[in-house]
Amino acid sequence: MATNRSRRLRKKLCVDEFQELGFELTLNFKADLNDQTIDTFVKQFLGQAIAANGLDYVGGEDYGLVCLAKRGSVNEEQRTAVEAWLKGRDELQNFEISPLLDVWYPENPINQA
């Protein structure tokens, strides 16, 4: 693919200066939890950790991708806020948060601004 793209095309493809960052999240719930407890956790997670930080979550109850709720990139402070919220939860056995990555092209390196 050509590397000499117009600004309009770079924006449409979310590349170069229009790269959008997010992170992957894996949640491992404790084995003795019932479905209602997990549902309550997910609702609280979406409201308190995701929406409250201007983020959006795409995925299931145990794995997903966190990105900005509007066009743009998640910053390190937002990622840290989600991580801090998860650390305070008793429902989880453990969890994994990836470093920031390109949400459209995960194999691409992050552009240094």
N, C-alpha and C. Protein backbone atom coordinates (compact mmCIF):
# COMPACT_ATOMS: atom_id res chain seq x y z
N MET A 1 0.84 -1.17 0.00
CA MET A 1 0.00 0.00 0.00
C MET A 1 0.89 1.24 0.00
N ALA A 2 0.47 2.26 -0.68
CA ALA A 2 1.26 3.48 -0.81
C ALA A 2 1.46 4.14 0.55
N THR A 3 2.64 4.71 0.72
CA THR A 3 2.93 5.40 1.98
C THR A 3 2.70 6.89 1.85
N ASN A 4 2.51 7.39 0.65
CA ASN A 4 2.27 8.81 0.41
C ASN A 4 0.76 9.05 0.32
N ARG A 5 0.11 9.07 1.48
CA ARG A 5 -1.35 9.21 1.52
C ARG A 5 -1.73 10.64 1.84
N SER A 6 -2.89 11.03 1.35
CA SER A 6 -3.39 12.37 1.68
C SER A 6 -3.82 12.40 3.15
N ARG A 7 -3.92 13.61 3.70
CA ARG A 7 -4.35 13.78 5.09
C ARG A 7 -5.73 13.17 5.30
N ARG A 8 -6.61 13.38 4.35
CA ARG A 8 -7.98 12.85 4.44
C ARG A 8 -7.98 11.32 4.52
N LEU A 9 -7.15 10.68 3.70
CA LEU A 9 -7.07 9.22 3.70
C LEU A 9 -6.44 8.71 5.00
N ARG A 10 -5.38 9.40 5.48
CA ARG A 10 -4.76 9.00 6.75
C ARG A 10 -5.78 9.07 7.89
N LYS A 11 -6.62 10.08 7.88
CA LYS A 11 -7.64 10.22 8.92
C LYS A 11 -8.67 9.10 8.80
N LYS A 12 -9.09 8.82 7.59
CA LYS A 12 -10.09 7.77 7.37
C LYS A 12 -9.57 6.40 7.77
N LEU A 13 -8.27 6.15 7.55
CA LEU A 13 -7.66 4.86 7.88
C LEU A 13 -7.15 4.80 9.33
N CYS A 14 -7.20 5.91 10.05
CA CYS A 14 -6.70 5.99 11.44
C CYS A 14 -5.23 5.59 11.52
N VAL A 15 -4.42 6.18 10.66
CA VAL A 15 -2.98 5.90 10.66
C VAL A 15 -2.21 7.20 10.86
N ASP A 16 -0.91 7.04 11.09
CA ASP A 16 0.02 8.15 11.28
C ASP A 16 -0.46 9.07 12.40
N GLU A 17 -0.67 10.34 12.14
CA GLU A 17 -1.07 11.27 13.21
C GLU A 17 -2.49 11.02 13.71
N PHE A 18 -3.26 10.17 13.04
CA PHE A 18 -4.63 9.84 13.44
C PHE A 18 -4.73 8.46 14.10
N GLN A 19 -3.60 7.89 14.45
CA GLN A 19 -3.58 6.59 15.14
C GLN A 19 -4.38 6.69 16.44
N GLU A 20 -5.16 5.67 16.75
CA GLU A 20 -5.97 5.64 17.96
C GLU A 20 -5.50 4.50 18.87
N LEU A 21 -5.25 4.84 20.14
CA LEU A 21 -4.71 3.88 21.10
C LEU A 21 -5.77 3.41 22.07
N GLY A 22 -5.61 2.19 22.55
CA GLY A 22 -6.46 1.60 23.56
C GLY A 22 -5.68 0.49 24.23
N PHE A 23 -6.36 -0.39 24.97
CA PHE A 23 -5.67 -1.51 25.60
C PHE A 23 -6.61 -2.69 25.75
N GLU A 24 -6.00 -3.88 25.79
CA GLU A 24 -6.75 -5.11 25.98
C GLU A 24 -6.83 -5.42 27.47
N LEU A 25 -7.91 -6.09 27.83
CA LEU A 25 -8.16 -6.39 29.24
C LEU A 25 -8.66 -7.82 29.36
N THR A 26 -8.05 -8.59 30.26
CA THR A 26 -8.48 -9.95 30.55
C THR A 26 -8.84 -10.03 32.03
N LEU A 27 -10.06 -10.47 32.33
CA LEU A 27 -10.53 -10.59 33.71
C LEU A 27 -10.70 -12.06 34.06
N ASN A 28 -10.18 -12.47 35.20
CA ASN A 28 -10.34 -13.83 35.70
C ASN A 28 -11.10 -13.76 37.01
N PHE A 29 -12.36 -14.19 36.97
CA PHE A 29 -13.21 -14.13 38.15
C PHE A 29 -12.92 -15.30 39.08
N LYS A 30 -13.19 -15.12 40.36
CA LYS A 30 -13.07 -16.21 41.32
C LYS A 30 -14.06 -17.31 40.96
N ALA A 31 -13.72 -18.54 41.22
CA ALA A 31 -14.53 -19.69 40.78
C ALA A 31 -15.87 -19.79 41.49
N ASP A 32 -15.98 -19.28 42.69
CA ASP A 32 -17.22 -19.47 43.47
C ASP A 32 -18.27 -18.38 43.25
N LEU A 33 -18.11 -17.53 42.26
CA LEU A 33 -19.06 -16.45 42.02
C LEU A 33 -20.26 -16.95 41.21
N ASN A 34 -21.45 -16.45 41.58
CA ASN A 34 -22.64 -16.79 40.79
C ASN A 34 -22.82 -15.76 39.68
N ASP A 35 -23.74 -16.04 38.76
CA ASP A 35 -23.95 -15.18 37.60
C ASP A 35 -24.41 -13.78 37.99
N GLN A 36 -25.24 -13.68 39.02
CA GLN A 36 -25.74 -12.38 39.45
C GLN A 36 -24.60 -11.48 39.96
N THR A 37 -23.68 -12.06 40.69
CA THR A 37 -22.53 -11.30 41.19
C THR A 37 -21.66 -10.81 40.04
N ILE A 38 -21.46 -11.65 39.05
CA ILE A 38 -20.66 -11.26 37.87
C ILE A 38 -21.39 -10.16 37.10
N ASP A 39 -22.70 -10.29 36.91
CA ASP A 39 -23.48 -9.26 36.21
C ASP A 39 -23.39 -7.92 36.93
N THR A 40 -23.48 -7.95 38.26
CA THR A 40 -23.38 -6.72 39.05
C THR A 40 -22.00 -6.10 38.88
N PHE A 41 -20.96 -6.94 38.92
CA PHE A 41 -19.60 -6.46 38.72
C PHE A 41 -19.46 -5.78 37.36
N VAL A 42 -19.95 -6.43 36.31
CA VAL A 42 -19.83 -5.88 34.95
C VAL A 42 -20.54 -4.54 34.85
N LYS A 43 -21.74 -4.41 35.41
CA LYS A 43 -22.46 -3.14 35.38
C LYS A 43 -21.68 -2.05 36.11
N GLN A 44 -21.13 -2.37 37.27
CA GLN A 44 -20.33 -1.39 38.01
C GLN A 44 -19.06 -1.04 37.25
N PHE A 45 -18.43 -2.03 36.65
CA PHE A 45 -17.22 -1.80 35.86
C PHE A 45 -17.49 -0.85 34.70
N LEU A 46 -18.57 -1.12 33.98
CA LEU A 46 -18.90 -0.27 32.83
C LEU A 46 -19.24 1.16 33.24
N GLY A 47 -19.91 1.31 34.37
CA GLY A 47 -20.30 2.64 34.83
C GLY A 47 -19.19 3.40 35.52
N GLN A 48 -18.52 2.74 36.46
CA GLN A 48 -17.54 3.43 37.31
C GLN A 48 -16.14 3.50 36.72
N ALA A 49 -15.70 2.47 36.05
CA ALA A 49 -14.33 2.45 35.53
C ALA A 49 -14.26 2.88 34.06
N ILE A 50 -15.26 2.53 33.28
CA ILE A 50 -15.21 2.80 31.84
C ILE A 50 -15.88 4.14 31.50
N ALA A 51 -17.19 4.24 31.66
CA ALA A 51 -17.91 5.46 31.28
C ALA A 51 -17.43 6.68 32.07
N ALA A 52 -17.13 6.51 33.34
CA ALA A 52 -16.69 7.63 34.17
C ALA A 52 -15.35 8.22 33.71
N ASN A 53 -14.58 7.45 32.97
CA ASN A 53 -13.29 7.92 32.44
C ASN A 53 -13.35 8.27 30.96
N GLY A 54 -14.57 8.35 30.40
CA GLY A 54 -14.72 8.70 28.99
C GLY A 54 -14.30 7.60 28.04
N LEU A 55 -14.40 6.34 28.50
CA LEU A 55 -13.95 5.21 27.71
C LEU A 55 -15.13 4.37 27.23
N ASP A 56 -14.84 3.42 26.37
CA ASP A 56 -15.82 2.46 25.89
C ASP A 56 -15.18 1.08 25.93
N TYR A 57 -16.00 0.05 26.12
CA TYR A 57 -15.52 -1.32 26.25
C TYR A 57 -16.20 -2.18 25.21
N VAL A 58 -15.39 -2.94 24.48
CA VAL A 58 -15.91 -3.86 23.47
C VAL A 58 -15.41 -5.25 23.83
N GLY A 59 -16.34 -6.16 24.07
CA GLY A 59 -15.94 -7.52 24.40
C GLY A 59 -16.95 -8.19 25.30
N GLY A 60 -16.51 -9.23 25.96
CA GLY A 60 -17.36 -9.99 26.86
C GLY A 60 -17.03 -9.71 28.30
N GLU A 61 -17.55 -10.56 29.19
CA GLU A 61 -17.34 -10.32 30.61
C GLU A 61 -15.95 -10.72 31.08
N ASP A 62 -15.19 -11.44 30.25
CA ASP A 62 -13.86 -11.85 30.68
C ASP A 62 -12.71 -11.34 29.81
N TYR A 63 -13.01 -10.82 28.64
CA TYR A 63 -11.97 -10.30 27.75
C TYR A 63 -12.54 -9.22 26.87
N GLY A 64 -11.79 -8.14 26.67
CA GLY A 64 -12.26 -7.09 25.78
C GLY A 64 -11.19 -6.06 25.49
N LEU A 65 -11.60 -5.06 24.73
CA LEU A 65 -10.75 -3.97 24.31
C LEU A 65 -11.34 -2.68 24.85
N VAL A 66 -10.51 -1.86 25.44
CA VAL A 66 -10.94 -0.56 25.97
C VAL A 66 -10.39 0.51 25.05
N CYS A 67 -11.28 1.39 24.58
CA CYS A 67 -10.89 2.48 23.71
C CYS A 67 -11.61 3.76 24.17
N LEU A 68 -11.29 4.86 23.55
CA LEU A 68 -11.94 6.11 23.90
C LEU A 68 -13.36 6.09 23.37
N ALA A 69 -14.30 6.70 24.10
CA ALA A 69 -15.71 6.68 23.71
C ALA A 69 -15.96 7.55 22.48
N LYS A 70 -15.05 8.45 22.17
CA LYS A 70 -15.16 9.27 20.96
C LYS A 70 -13.89 9.04 20.15
N ARG A 71 -13.76 9.72 19.05
CA ARG A 71 -12.56 9.55 18.24
C ARG A 71 -11.35 10.07 19.01
N GLY A 72 -10.29 9.29 19.02
CA GLY A 72 -9.07 9.68 19.72
C GLY A 72 -8.45 8.50 20.43
N SER A 73 -7.53 8.80 21.34
CA SER A 73 -6.76 7.75 22.01
C SER A 73 -6.94 7.78 23.52
N VAL A 74 -6.87 6.60 24.09
CA VAL A 74 -6.80 6.45 25.54
C VAL A 74 -5.42 6.93 25.97
N ASN A 75 -5.35 7.65 27.10
CA ASN A 75 -4.04 8.06 27.60
C ASN A 75 -3.65 7.17 28.78
N GLU A 76 -2.42 7.30 29.21
CA GLU A 76 -1.90 6.45 30.27
C GLU A 76 -2.63 6.67 31.59
N GLU A 77 -3.11 7.89 31.85
CA GLU A 77 -3.85 8.17 33.09
C GLU A 77 -5.17 7.41 33.12
N GLN A 78 -5.86 7.33 31.98
CA GLN A 78 -7.12 6.59 31.90
C GLN A 78 -6.87 5.10 32.10
N ARG A 79 -5.81 4.60 31.50
CA ARG A 79 -5.45 3.19 31.65
C ARG A 79 -5.15 2.89 33.12
N THR A 80 -4.41 3.76 33.77
CA THR A 80 -4.06 3.59 35.18
C THR A 80 -5.29 3.65 36.07
N ALA A 81 -6.26 4.53 35.73
CA ALA A 81 -7.50 4.64 36.51
C ALA A 81 -8.29 3.34 36.45
N VAL A 82 -8.38 2.72 35.29
CA VAL A 82 -9.08 1.44 35.15
C VAL A 82 -8.35 0.36 35.95
N GLU A 83 -7.03 0.35 35.86
CA GLU A 83 -6.24 -0.63 36.60
C GLU A 83 -6.44 -0.47 38.11
N ALA A 84 -6.44 0.76 38.60
CA ALA A 84 -6.64 1.02 40.03
C ALA A 84 -8.03 0.56 40.48
N TRP A 85 -9.04 0.80 39.65
CA TRP A 85 -10.40 0.37 40.00
C TRP A 85 -10.46 -1.15 40.11
N LEU A 86 -9.84 -1.84 39.17
CA LEU A 86 -9.85 -3.31 39.19
C LEU A 86 -9.09 -3.88 40.38
N LYS A 87 -8.02 -3.23 40.80
CA LYS A 87 -7.23 -3.72 41.94
C LYS A 87 -8.04 -3.73 43.23
N GLY A 88 -9.04 -2.85 43.32
CA GLY A 88 -9.84 -2.78 44.53
C GLY A 88 -11.03 -3.72 44.56
N ARG A 89 -11.13 -4.63 43.63
CA ARG A 89 -12.30 -5.51 43.53
C ARG A 89 -12.01 -6.90 44.06
N ASP A 90 -12.94 -7.41 44.90
CA ASP A 90 -12.79 -8.74 45.48
C ASP A 90 -13.27 -9.85 44.55
N GLU A 91 -14.05 -9.52 43.53
CA GLU A 91 -14.62 -10.54 42.64
C GLU A 91 -13.58 -11.19 41.73
N LEU A 92 -12.44 -10.52 41.56
CA LEU A 92 -11.45 -11.00 40.60
C LEU A 92 -10.36 -11.82 41.29
N GLN A 93 -10.02 -12.92 40.65
CA GLN A 93 -8.87 -13.71 41.07
C GLN A 93 -7.61 -12.97 40.63
N ASN A 94 -7.62 -12.52 39.36
CA ASN A 94 -6.56 -11.68 38.81
C ASN A 94 -7.05 -11.06 37.51
N PHE A 95 -6.25 -10.16 36.96
CA PHE A 95 -6.58 -9.53 35.68
C PHE A 95 -5.29 -9.12 35.00
N GLU A 96 -5.38 -8.92 33.69
CA GLU A 96 -4.23 -8.48 32.89
C GLU A 96 -4.66 -7.31 32.04
N ILE A 97 -3.83 -6.27 32.04
CA ILE A 97 -4.05 -5.10 31.20
C ILE A 97 -2.84 -4.97 30.29
N SER A 98 -3.08 -4.88 28.99
CA SER A 98 -1.96 -4.74 28.05
C SER A 98 -1.45 -3.30 28.08
N PRO A 99 -0.25 -3.09 27.57
CA PRO A 99 0.20 -1.71 27.34
C PRO A 99 -0.68 -1.08 26.27
N LEU A 100 -0.60 0.23 26.12
CA LEU A 100 -1.37 0.89 25.07
C LEU A 100 -0.94 0.33 23.72
N LEU A 101 -1.94 0.15 22.84
CA LEU A 101 -1.69 -0.39 21.50
C LEU A 101 -2.61 0.28 20.50
N ASP A 102 -2.26 0.15 19.23
CA ASP A 102 -3.07 0.69 18.15
C ASP A 102 -4.34 -0.17 18.05
N VAL A 103 -5.52 0.45 18.26
CA VAL A 103 -6.75 -0.35 18.29
C VAL A 103 -7.20 -0.79 16.90
N TRP A 104 -6.78 -0.10 15.85
CA TRP A 104 -7.18 -0.48 14.50
C TRP A 104 -6.19 -1.46 13.88
N TYR A 105 -4.92 -1.28 14.19
CA TYR A 105 -3.86 -2.12 13.62
C TYR A 105 -2.92 -2.53 14.76
N PRO A 106 -3.31 -3.52 15.57
CA PRO A 106 -2.52 -3.89 16.76
C PRO A 106 -1.07 -4.29 16.47
N GLU A 107 -0.79 -4.73 15.26
CA GLU A 107 0.57 -5.14 14.93
C GLU A 107 1.48 -3.94 14.66
N ASN A 108 0.90 -2.74 14.45
CA ASN A 108 1.69 -1.55 14.19
C ASN A 108 2.26 -0.97 15.48
N PRO A 109 3.48 -0.43 15.43
CA PRO A 109 4.03 0.23 16.63
C PRO A 109 3.30 1.53 16.91
N ILE A 110 3.40 1.99 18.14
CA ILE A 110 2.77 3.25 18.53
C ILE A 110 3.61 4.41 18.02
N ASN A 111 2.96 5.39 17.40
CA ASN A 111 3.67 6.58 16.93
C ASN A 111 4.09 7.43 18.12
N GLN A 112 5.29 7.93 18.09
CA GLN A 112 5.76 8.82 19.14
C GLN A 112 5.41 10.25 18.75
N ALA A 113 4.62 10.90 19.60
CA ALA A 113 4.15 12.26 19.28
C ALA A 113 5.19 13.30 19.64
